């Protein structure tokens, strides 16, 4: 699919980024959600799947709890949502907490969850092992050709049976109010699992590999202006980055691409690439194939107990190879 080859995808530009627009509309015209698939899932773990949504504020006459009626869990799928504007209540694991811009929701299989959107919320989703989005393109085609069929309950039943629809509907949750800091499903770069300091760069672990069934992990790199990052000439894994804040210039296949706040950077496997930050940046590795956390832990151990080993180039070379880290160099002009 040629659209999958886009390098920089600007989520702020719906005309270019929203491939399969869809809205959740009630019979009375109330719209609960505008959503679009940005990248389709691929591979046995249905990875690199991305959606962009505007979750619309609850009806004025609804209470927060009434707005959270759609309670459900997933059998196999993992969901990660960036809350980038607006605020909401999340009901998860028997708790209710307030989620605000800057927070990240990470949901694992079997976790009962529901949401009440108190304002329009910009809601960016990244998934793996979730098949409920697989039929978005086919369903949209049917809607375009035969709108009456797409709304037919029989189609919804058949779609669910064929697709498996990795979803278990649950009763309205019983909950206790809790501070967001005590709800593990809500992450934030200000509350990382672990954090490591380097010249011009802070690397934070947001989700670990064991919280993703071993498929990937998510790290956040907070980079100062003037940081340059290079990768091995032909990286073995596809990479996917989310620029949440800042401005960076990525060079991919020898061509320059500017990625600003709200952009996805979609780098194909084997593509030579590098980046330089034009402003302070907050960039998330959403492909998460390197064993970043293990690499950072071992690097910190060497830096603490045997710093002389870092004077030997082969030390870092061996460490990168051991944990699948394709970054070959980082420099900072500040």
Protein backbone atom coordinates (compact mmCIF):
# COMPACT_ATOMS: atom_id res chain seq x y z
CA UNK A 1 0.00 0.00 0.00
CA UNK A 2 1.72 3.15 -1.23
CA UNK A 3 0.35 5.34 1.59
CA UNK A 4 2.18 3.19 4.12
CA UNK A 5 5.45 4.60 2.72
CA UNK A 6 4.81 8.13 3.98
CA UNK A 7 7.79 9.15 6.10
CA UNK A 8 6.33 12.04 8.11
CA UNK A 9 2.61 11.99 8.89
CA UNK A 10 1.23 15.20 10.35
CA UNK A 11 -1.70 14.31 12.61
CA UNK A 12 -2.62 18.00 12.76
CA UNK A 13 -3.51 17.87 9.05
CA UNK A 14 -6.53 15.58 8.83
CA UNK A 15 -6.86 16.03 5.08
CA UNK A 16 -3.53 14.27 4.51
CA UNK A 17 -3.24 11.98 7.53
CA UNK A 18 -6.75 10.58 8.01
CA UNK A 19 -6.87 7.61 5.66
CA UNK A 20 -10.17 6.03 6.71
CA UNK A 21 -12.29 8.67 8.47
CA UNK A 22 -15.18 7.39 10.57
CA UNK A 23 -17.56 8.86 13.12
CA UNK A 24 -19.61 7.31 15.86
CA UNK A 25 -23.03 8.91 15.47
CA UNK A 26 -26.20 8.27 17.47
CA UNK A 27 -29.64 8.26 15.79
CA UNK A 28 -30.33 11.75 17.17
CA UNK A 29 -27.19 13.12 15.50
CA UNK A 30 -24.94 13.25 18.57
CA UNK A 31 -21.38 12.36 17.56
CA UNK A 32 -19.34 10.58 20.21
CA UNK A 33 -16.10 10.16 18.27
CA UNK A 34 -14.33 11.13 15.08
CA UNK A 35 -11.64 8.59 14.28
CA UNK A 36 -9.33 7.63 11.47
CA UNK A 37 -6.86 4.86 10.85
CA UNK A 38 -3.42 6.36 10.22
CA UNK A 39 -1.35 3.20 9.71
CA UNK A 40 -2.66 -0.33 9.28
CA UNK A 41 -1.44 -3.16 11.48
CA UNK A 42 1.09 -5.63 10.16
CA UNK A 43 2.79 -8.87 11.14
CA UNK A 44 1.79 -11.65 13.53
CA UNK A 45 1.46 -9.21 16.45
CA UNK A 46 -0.55 -6.63 14.46
CA UNK A 47 2.08 -3.98 15.17
CA UNK A 48 2.55 -0.39 13.95
CA UNK A 49 -1.20 0.21 14.03
CA UNK A 50 -2.04 3.86 14.65
CA UNK A 51 -5.30 5.78 14.96
CA UNK A 52 -6.08 9.44 15.53
CA UNK A 53 -9.31 10.42 17.28
CA UNK A 54 -11.28 13.31 18.61
CA UNK A 55 -13.31 11.91 21.47
CA UNK A 56 -16.26 14.26 21.85
CA UNK A 57 -17.38 15.66 25.19
CA UNK A 58 -20.22 13.82 26.91
CA UNK A 59 -23.78 15.02 26.45
CA UNK A 60 -24.50 17.99 28.72
CA UNK A 61 -27.29 16.12 30.51
CA UNK A 62 -25.10 13.12 31.33
CA UNK A 63 -23.24 12.62 34.59
CA UNK A 64 -19.66 11.41 34.46
CA UNK A 65 -20.69 7.89 35.44
CA UNK A 66 -23.51 7.76 32.88
CA UNK A 67 -21.02 8.73 30.18
CA UNK A 68 -18.81 5.75 31.08
CA UNK A 69 -21.36 3.08 30.20
CA UNK A 70 -19.21 1.45 27.47
CA UNK A 71 -17.13 -0.73 29.76
CA UNK A 72 -15.05 -3.44 28.10
CA UNK A 73 -11.80 -5.37 28.03
CA UNK A 74 -9.67 -6.96 25.31
CA UNK A 75 -8.71 -10.61 25.16
CA UNK A 76 -5.32 -10.13 23.52
CA UNK A 77 -4.86 -6.54 22.45
CA UNK A 78 -2.63 -3.83 23.91
CA UNK A 79 -3.64 -0.17 23.59
CA UNK A 80 -1.59 2.96 24.23
CA UNK A 81 -3.33 6.34 24.04
CA UNK A 82 -1.71 9.78 24.17
CA UNK A 83 -4.05 12.37 25.69
CA UNK A 84 -2.91 15.52 23.93
CA UNK A 85 -5.75 17.96 24.65
CA UNK A 86 -8.88 18.06 26.78
CA UNK A 87 -9.49 15.96 29.89
CA UNK A 88 -11.36 12.81 30.82
CA UNK A 89 -12.09 10.30 33.53
CA UNK A 90 -10.63 6.81 33.19
CA UNK A 91 -12.25 3.87 34.96
CA UNK A 92 -9.79 0.99 35.18
CA UNK A 93 -8.99 -1.78 37.66
CA UNK A 94 -11.77 -0.65 40.00
CA UNK A 95 -10.50 2.93 40.13
CA UNK A 96 -11.57 6.24 38.66
CA UNK A 97 -8.98 8.93 37.97
CA UNK A 98 -8.73 12.22 36.12
CA UNK A 99 -6.56 12.10 32.98
CA UNK A 100 -5.23 15.35 31.52
CA UNK A 101 -2.98 16.46 28.61
CA UNK A 102 0.47 14.94 28.87
CA UNK A 103 -0.82 11.64 30.27
CA UNK A 104 -0.49 8.34 28.42
CA UNK A 105 -2.93 5.46 28.94
CA UNK A 106 -1.48 1.96 28.57
CA UNK A 107 -4.04 -0.85 28.66
CA UNK A 108 -3.21 -4.55 28.73
CA UNK A 109 -5.37 -7.59 27.93
CA UNK A 110 -8.10 -8.30 30.44
CA UNK A 111 -8.12 -4.84 32.00
CA UNK A 112 -11.69 -3.63 32.34
CA UNK A 113 -11.82 -0.01 31.27
CA UNK A 114 -14.25 2.77 30.42
CA UNK A 115 -13.88 6.48 29.78
CA UNK A 116 -15.94 9.62 30.30
CA UNK A 117 -14.78 12.52 28.14
CA UNK A 118 -15.47 15.82 29.90
CA UNK A 119 -14.16 17.90 26.99
CA UNK A 120 -13.26 17.09 23.41
CA UNK A 121 -10.09 15.02 23.78
CA UNK A 122 -7.34 14.62 21.19
CA UNK A 123 -6.66 10.91 21.53
CA UNK A 124 -3.81 9.24 19.61
CA UNK A 125 -3.73 5.44 19.71
CA UNK A 126 -0.96 2.88 19.14
CA UNK A 127 -1.76 -0.85 19.24
CA UNK A 128 -0.44 -4.36 18.98
CA UNK A 129 -2.11 -7.79 19.12
CA UNK A 130 -5.48 -6.07 18.61
CA UNK A 131 -7.56 -7.25 15.67
CA UNK A 132 -10.65 -5.08 16.10
CA UNK A 133 -9.20 -2.44 13.72
CA UNK A 134 -8.29 -4.87 10.95
CA UNK A 135 -11.54 -4.46 9.04
CA UNK A 136 -11.68 -0.66 9.05
CA UNK A 137 -10.79 -0.32 5.37
CA UNK A 138 -13.22 -3.02 4.24
CA UNK A 139 -16.04 -1.65 6.39
CA UNK A 140 -15.46 1.87 5.03
CA UNK A 141 -15.65 0.57 1.46
CA UNK A 142 -18.96 -1.12 2.22
CA UNK A 143 -20.26 2.09 3.82
CA UNK A 144 -19.32 4.08 0.70
CA UNK A 145 -20.98 1.61 -1.66
CA UNK A 146 -23.97 0.51 0.43
CA UNK A 147 -24.58 2.74 3.46
CA UNK A 148 -27.68 0.81 4.42
CA UNK A 149 -25.71 -2.46 4.61
CA UNK A 150 -22.98 -0.95 6.79
CA UNK A 151 -25.64 0.04 9.34
CA UNK A 152 -27.32 -3.36 9.26
CA UNK A 153 -27.06 -5.22 12.61
CA UNK A 154 -26.54 -8.42 10.65
CA UNK A 155 -23.35 -6.97 9.15
CA UNK A 156 -22.11 -6.05 12.62
CA UNK A 157 -22.80 -9.60 13.78
CA UNK A 158 -20.98 -11.18 10.82
CA UNK A 159 -18.07 -8.74 11.11
CA UNK A 160 -17.70 -9.65 14.77
CA UNK A 161 -17.72 -13.38 14.05
CA UNK A 162 -15.25 -13.17 11.18
CA UNK A 163 -12.88 -10.72 12.82
CA UNK A 164 -13.00 -12.19 16.26
CA UNK A 165 -13.45 -8.59 17.50
CA UNK A 166 -11.03 -8.74 20.40
CA UNK A 167 -13.48 -7.21 22.84
CA UNK A 168 -15.44 -8.39 25.88
CA UNK A 169 -18.30 -6.13 26.93
CA UNK A 170 -18.47 -5.61 30.69
CA UNK A 171 -20.94 -4.21 33.18
CA UNK A 172 -20.67 -0.64 34.39
CA UNK A 173 -17.58 -0.62 36.64
CA UNK A 174 -17.70 -0.39 40.40
CA UNK A 175 -14.91 1.97 41.39
CA UNK A 176 -13.17 4.06 44.00
CA UNK A 177 -11.75 7.51 43.26
CA UNK A 178 -7.96 7.55 43.12
CA UNK A 179 -5.19 10.06 42.35
CA UNK A 180 -3.88 9.54 38.84
CA UNK A 181 -0.38 8.96 40.25
CA UNK A 182 -1.67 5.76 41.89
CA UNK A 183 -3.23 4.31 38.73
CA UNK A 184 -0.62 2.23 36.92
CA UNK A 185 -2.54 2.27 33.64
CA UNK A 186 -1.81 6.00 33.35
CA UNK A 187 1.78 6.88 32.48
CA UNK A 188 3.45 10.25 32.21
CA UNK A 189 7.00 11.30 31.26
CA UNK A 190 7.13 13.11 34.61
CA UNK A 191 6.60 9.73 36.31
CA UNK A 192 8.74 7.32 34.27
CA UNK A 193 9.52 3.74 35.19
CA UNK A 194 13.18 4.72 34.99
CA UNK A 195 15.19 7.70 33.76
CA UNK A 196 18.77 8.09 32.46
CA UNK A 197 20.74 11.29 31.87
CA UNK A 198 23.17 11.93 29.02
CA UNK A 199 24.62 15.17 27.55
CA UNK A 200 21.71 16.95 25.86
CA UNK A 201 19.37 14.01 26.37
CA UNK A 202 17.20 12.37 29.01
CA UNK A 203 15.92 8.89 28.18
CA UNK A 204 12.84 7.69 30.08
CA UNK A 205 11.29 4.24 30.17
CA UNK A 206 7.49 4.60 29.89
CA UNK A 207 6.35 1.00 29.31
CA UNK A 208 8.52 -2.07 29.78
CA UNK A 209 8.75 -5.14 27.58
CA UNK A 210 7.01 -7.36 30.13
CA UNK A 211 4.05 -4.96 30.06
CA UNK A 212 3.74 -5.65 26.32
CA UNK A 213 3.98 -9.46 26.28
CA UNK A 214 7.60 -9.17 25.16
CA UNK A 215 6.65 -7.60 21.82
CA UNK A 216 8.08 -4.12 22.38
CA UNK A 217 8.66 -1.35 24.91
CA UNK A 218 8.21 2.41 24.85
CA UNK A 219 10.85 4.97 25.70
CA UNK A 220 10.71 8.75 25.65
CA UNK A 221 13.76 10.76 24.56
CA UNK A 222 13.78 14.35 25.71
CA UNK A 223 16.38 15.99 23.48
CA UNK A 224 17.85 19.46 23.68
CA UNK A 225 18.12 21.63 20.57
CA UNK A 226 21.24 20.68 18.61
CA UNK A 227 21.31 16.96 19.40
CA UNK A 228 22.31 14.80 16.44
CA UNK A 229 21.44 11.10 16.33
CA UNK A 230 22.76 8.64 13.76
CA UNK A 231 21.76 5.03 13.09
CA UNK A 232 23.54 2.05 11.55
CA UNK A 233 23.48 2.25 7.73
CA UNK A 234 20.71 -0.33 7.16
CA UNK A 235 18.63 -0.83 10.35
CA UNK A 236 17.04 -4.25 10.54
CA UNK A 237 13.70 -3.21 12.03
CA UNK A 238 11.00 -0.82 10.94
CA UNK A 239 10.89 2.20 13.25
CA UNK A 240 7.98 4.37 14.31
CA UNK A 241 8.37 7.61 16.27
CA UNK A 242 5.91 10.09 17.71
CA UNK A 243 7.12 13.69 18.05
CA UNK A 244 4.95 14.92 20.89
CA UNK A 245 6.76 18.22 21.35
CA UNK A 246 9.43 20.16 19.49
CA UNK A 247 10.85 20.24 15.99
CA UNK A 248 13.27 17.78 14.39
CA UNK A 249 14.81 17.24 10.98
CA UNK A 250 14.93 13.58 9.94
CA UNK A 251 17.07 12.57 6.98
CA UNK A 252 15.72 9.34 5.44
CA UNK A 253 17.03 7.85 2.18
CA UNK A 254 19.13 11.02 1.92
CA UNK A 255 16.03 13.25 1.86
CA UNK A 256 15.24 15.76 4.62
CA UNK A 257 11.88 15.73 6.40
CA UNK A 258 10.67 18.15 9.09
CA UNK A 259 8.70 16.61 11.94
CA UNK A 260 6.92 19.00 14.30
CA UNK A 261 4.67 18.50 17.31
CA UNK A 262 1.99 15.94 16.53
CA UNK A 263 3.88 14.14 13.75
CA UNK A 264 4.45 10.42 13.23
CA UNK A 265 7.81 9.48 11.69
CA UNK A 266 7.42 6.20 9.83
CA UNK A 267 10.81 4.74 8.84
CA UNK A 268 10.90 1.58 6.70
CA UNK A 269 13.19 -1.32 7.48
CA UNK A 270 16.73 -0.94 6.07
CA UNK A 271 16.22 2.81 5.39
CA UNK A 272 19.38 4.83 6.20
CA UNK A 273 18.39 7.72 8.46
CA UNK A 274 19.50 10.27 11.05
CA UNK A 275 18.01 13.24 12.89
CA UNK A 276 18.95 16.62 14.29
CA UNK A 277 16.76 18.55 16.72
CA UNK A 278 15.87 22.10 15.64
CA UNK A 279 14.13 22.81 18.96
CA UNK A 280 13.95 20.97 22.26
CA UNK A 281 12.06 17.76 21.53
CA UNK A 282 10.09 15.01 23.23
CA UNK A 283 10.15 11.96 20.94
CA UNK A 284 8.69 8.51 21.67
CA UNK A 285 9.94 5.26 20.16
CA UNK A 286 6.62 3.54 19.35
CA UNK A 287 8.15 0.62 17.42
CA UNK A 288 10.09 -0.31 20.53
CA UNK A 289 12.12 -3.15 19.05
CA UNK A 290 15.45 -2.48 20.78
CA UNK A 291 15.81 -3.78 24.32
CA UNK A 292 16.21 -0.19 25.45
CA UNK A 293 15.68 -0.73 29.15
CA UNK A 294 18.22 -3.56 29.37
CA UNK A 295 20.71 -1.53 27.32
CA UNK A 296 20.29 1.51 29.57
CA UNK A 297 20.58 -0.57 32.75
CA UNK A 298 23.79 -2.22 31.60
CA UNK A 299 25.23 1.05 30.32
CA UNK A 300 24.52 2.64 33.72
CA UNK A 301 26.15 -0.31 35.47
CA UNK A 302 29.31 0.08 33.42
CA UNK A 303 29.30 3.86 33.87
CA UNK A 304 28.98 3.37 37.64
CA UNK A 305 31.29 0.41 38.33
CA UNK A 306 33.81 0.40 35.47
CA UNK A 307 33.80 3.75 33.64
CA UNK A 308 37.17 3.00 32.08
CA UNK A 309 35.47 0.37 29.91
CA UNK A 310 33.54 3.13 28.13
CA UNK A 311 36.84 4.51 26.81
CA UNK A 312 37.04 1.44 24.58
CA UNK A 313 34.85 1.77 21.44
CA UNK A 314 34.13 -1.96 21.41
CA UNK A 315 32.30 -1.72 24.75
CA UNK A 316 29.42 0.29 23.31
CA UNK A 317 29.53 -1.59 20.03
CA UNK A 318 29.07 -4.91 21.81
CA UNK A 319 26.38 -3.50 24.10
CA UNK A 320 24.36 -2.12 21.19
CA UNK A 321 24.61 -5.40 19.29
CA UNK A 322 23.61 -7.42 22.36
CA UNK A 323 20.35 -5.48 22.83
CA UNK A 324 19.46 -4.67 19.22
CA UNK A 325 20.13 -0.94 19.53
CA UNK A 326 20.78 0.42 16.03
CA UNK A 327 21.66 3.96 17.16
CA UNK A 328 25.33 4.36 16.26
CA UNK A 329 26.05 7.79 17.73
CA UNK A 330 24.64 10.77 19.61
CA UNK A 331 26.30 14.19 19.74
CA UNK A 332 25.29 17.48 21.33
CA UNK A 333 26.59 20.89 20.31
CA UNK A 334 25.31 22.67 23.45
